[in-house]
């Protein structure tokens, strides 16, 4: 996956091959004044972590994304902290 993403950074997280990358989100605004109109445009920047299901990268992955509403890329330390808490709790995930 890292080869497909221009800004990807390869890492190992909790013993699994992992890729970190950033991308823009889409902002959707809905007005509730009776006309039901929507508007969309560029949103904030998301930082995503894509982790292989097993340590051998045999197929399948889990993805975690965090984002901000301003134009600043979320901190990798925050994303890695979330991943360290969430990934081990996924049913059926092979740890290590």
C-alpha atoms as a PDB file:
ATOM      1  CA  UNK A   1       0.000   0.000   0.000  1.00  0.00           C
ATOM      2  CA  UNK A   2       2.872   2.359   0.719  1.00  0.00           C
ATOM      3  CA  UNK A   3       3.805   2.323  -2.969  1.00  0.00           C
ATOM      4  CA  UNK A   4       0.338   3.627  -3.914  1.00  0.00           C
ATOM      5  CA  UNK A   5       0.344   6.555  -1.512  1.00  0.00           C
ATOM      6  CA  UNK A   6       2.636   9.484  -2.319  1.00  0.00           C
ATOM      7  CA  UNK A   7       3.137  10.693   1.242  1.00  0.00           C
ATOM      8  CA  UNK A   8       3.236   7.278   2.924  1.00  0.00           C
ATOM      9  CA  UNK A   9       5.716   6.468   5.659  1.00  0.00           C
ATOM     10  CA  UNK A  10       6.420   2.800   6.431  1.00  0.00           C
ATOM     11  CA  UNK A  11       6.562   1.824  10.100  1.00  0.00           C
ATOM     12  CA  UNK A  12       6.083  -1.152  12.367  1.00  0.00           C
ATOM     13  CA  UNK A  13       3.401  -0.718  15.018  1.00  0.00           C
ATOM     14  CA  UNK A  14       2.794  -3.399  17.655  1.00  0.00           C
ATOM     15  CA  UNK A  15       4.804  -5.831  15.517  1.00  0.00           C
ATOM     16  CA  UNK A  16       2.748  -5.294  12.346  1.00  0.00           C
ATOM     17  CA  UNK A  17       3.822  -3.578   9.105  1.00  0.00           C
ATOM     18  CA  UNK A  18       2.102  -0.198   9.026  1.00  0.00           C
ATOM     19  CA  UNK A  19       1.785   2.790   6.730  1.00  0.00           C
ATOM     20  CA  UNK A  20       1.097   6.367   7.876  1.00  0.00           C
ATOM     21  CA  UNK A  21      -0.311   8.858   5.381  1.00  0.00           C
ATOM     22  CA  UNK A  22      -2.217  12.142   5.181  1.00  0.00           C
ATOM     23  CA  UNK A  23      -5.113  13.260   3.002  1.00  0.00           C
ATOM     24  CA  UNK A  24      -7.785  15.960   2.944  1.00  0.00           C
ATOM     25  CA  UNK A  25     -11.279  15.333   4.213  1.00  0.00           C
ATOM     26  CA  UNK A  26     -14.448  16.645   2.576  1.00  0.00           C
ATOM     27  CA  UNK A  27     -16.579  19.195   4.407  1.00  0.00           C
ATOM     28  CA  UNK A  28     -20.329  18.859   3.914  1.00  0.00           C
ATOM     29  CA  UNK A  29     -22.648  21.625   5.075  1.00  0.00           C
ATOM     30  CA  UNK A  30     -26.393  21.082   5.301  1.00  0.00           C
ATOM     31  CA  UNK A  31     -28.797  23.949   5.822  1.00  0.00           C
ATOM     32  CA  UNK A  32     -31.924  23.302   7.848  1.00  0.00           C
ATOM     33  CA  UNK A  33     -33.949  26.312   6.790  1.00  0.00           C
ATOM     34  CA  UNK A  34     -36.508  24.348   4.774  1.00  0.00           C
ATOM     35  CA  UNK A  35     -34.724  24.251   1.438  1.00  0.00           C
ATOM     36  CA  UNK A  36     -32.592  21.151   2.237  1.00  0.00           C
ATOM     37  CA  UNK A  37     -29.600  22.436   0.291  1.00  0.00           C
ATOM     38  CA  UNK A  38     -26.155  21.014   0.854  1.00  0.00           C
ATOM     39  CA  UNK A  39     -22.732  22.342   0.057  1.00  0.00           C
ATOM     40  CA  UNK A  40     -19.355  20.644   0.073  1.00  0.00           C
ATOM     41  CA  UNK A  41     -15.741  21.658  -0.173  1.00  0.00           C
ATOM     42  CA  UNK A  42     -12.316  20.835   1.173  1.00  0.00           C
ATOM     43  CA  UNK A  43     -12.240  19.944   4.846  1.00  0.00           C
ATOM     44  CA  UNK A  44      -9.425  19.467   7.317  1.00  0.00           C
ATOM     45  CA  UNK A  45      -6.464  17.139   6.998  1.00  0.00           C
ATOM     46  CA  UNK A  46      -6.699  13.528   8.177  1.00  0.00           C
ATOM     47  CA  UNK A  47      -3.730  11.435   9.305  1.00  0.00           C
ATOM     48  CA  UNK A  48      -4.294   7.724   8.798  1.00  0.00           C
ATOM     49  CA  UNK A  49      -2.611   4.557   9.979  1.00  0.00           C
ATOM     50  CA  UNK A  50      -3.054   1.400   7.885  1.00  0.00           C
ATOM     51  CA  UNK A  51      -1.858  -1.704   9.773  1.00  0.00           C
ATOM     52  CA  UNK A  52      -1.526  -5.223   8.401  1.00  0.00           C
ATOM     53  CA  UNK A  53      -3.790  -7.802  10.068  1.00  0.00           C
ATOM     54  CA  UNK A  54      -0.820  -9.987  10.949  1.00  0.00           C
ATOM     55  CA  UNK A  55       2.919  -9.545  11.391  1.00  0.00           C
ATOM     56  CA  UNK A  56       3.702 -11.281   8.081  1.00  0.00           C
ATOM     57  CA  UNK A  57       1.501  -8.872   6.059  1.00  0.00           C
ATOM     58  CA  UNK A  58      -0.415 -11.820   4.634  1.00  0.00           C
ATOM     59  CA  UNK A  59      -3.415  -9.780   3.498  1.00  0.00           C
ATOM     60  CA  UNK A  60      -6.045  -7.577   5.030  1.00  0.00           C
ATOM     61  CA  UNK A  61      -5.586  -4.456   7.097  1.00  0.00           C
ATOM     62  CA  UNK A  62      -7.066  -2.208   9.752  1.00  0.00           C
ATOM     63  CA  UNK A  63      -7.245   1.545   9.319  1.00  0.00           C
ATOM     64  CA  UNK A  64      -7.464   4.275  11.936  1.00  0.00           C
ATOM     65  CA  UNK A  65      -7.801   7.952  11.015  1.00  0.00           C
ATOM     66  CA  UNK A  66      -7.814  11.125  13.059  1.00  0.00           C
ATOM     67  CA  UNK A  67      -8.433  14.597  11.679  1.00  0.00           C
ATOM     68  CA  UNK A  68      -8.514  18.268  12.512  1.00  0.00           C
ATOM     69  CA  UNK A  69     -10.866  20.961  11.291  1.00  0.00           C
ATOM     70  CA  UNK A  70      -8.080  23.422  10.608  1.00  0.00           C
ATOM     71  CA  UNK A  71      -5.296  23.085   8.037  1.00  0.00           C
ATOM     72  CA  UNK A  72      -2.794  21.408  10.363  1.00  0.00           C
ATOM     73  CA  UNK A  73      -1.801  17.757   9.963  1.00  0.00           C
ATOM     74  CA  UNK A  74      -2.673  15.783  13.125  1.00  0.00           C
ATOM     75  CA  UNK A  75       0.255  14.756  15.291  1.00  0.00           C
ATOM     76  CA  UNK A  76       1.711  11.269  14.655  1.00  0.00           C
ATOM     77  CA  UNK A  77       2.182  10.759  18.390  1.00  0.00           C
ATOM     78  CA  UNK A  78      -1.578  11.180  18.904  1.00  0.00           C
ATOM     79  CA  UNK A  79      -2.378   8.746  16.094  1.00  0.00           C
ATOM     80  CA  UNK A  80       0.108   6.153  17.370  1.00  0.00           C
ATOM     81  CA  UNK A  81      -1.288   6.508  20.890  1.00  0.00           C
ATOM     82  CA  UNK A  82      -4.826   5.820  19.628  1.00  0.00           C
ATOM     83  CA  UNK A  83      -3.574   2.852  17.594  1.00  0.00           C
ATOM     84  CA  UNK A  84      -1.742   1.359  20.590  1.00  0.00           C
ATOM     85  CA  UNK A  85      -4.993   1.419  22.565  1.00  0.00           C
ATOM     86  CA  UNK A  86      -7.422   0.367  19.826  1.00  0.00           C
ATOM     87  CA  UNK A  87      -5.633  -2.236  17.686  1.00  0.00           C
ATOM     88  CA  UNK A  88      -5.106  -4.831  20.447  1.00  0.00           C
ATOM     89  CA  UNK A  89      -8.838  -4.775  21.244  1.00  0.00           C
ATOM     90  CA  UNK A  90      -9.991  -5.808  17.740  1.00  0.00           C
ATOM     91  CA  UNK A  91     -11.592  -9.274  17.931  1.00  0.00           C
ATOM     92  CA  UNK A  92      -9.611 -11.840  15.926  1.00  0.00           C
ATOM     93  CA  UNK A  93      -6.559  -9.626  15.456  1.00  0.00           C
ATOM     94  CA  UNK A  94      -3.282 -11.489  15.830  1.00  0.00           C
ATOM     95  CA  UNK A  95      -1.063  -9.565  18.249  1.00  0.00           C
ATOM     96  CA  UNK A  96       2.698  -9.331  17.716  1.00  0.00           C
END
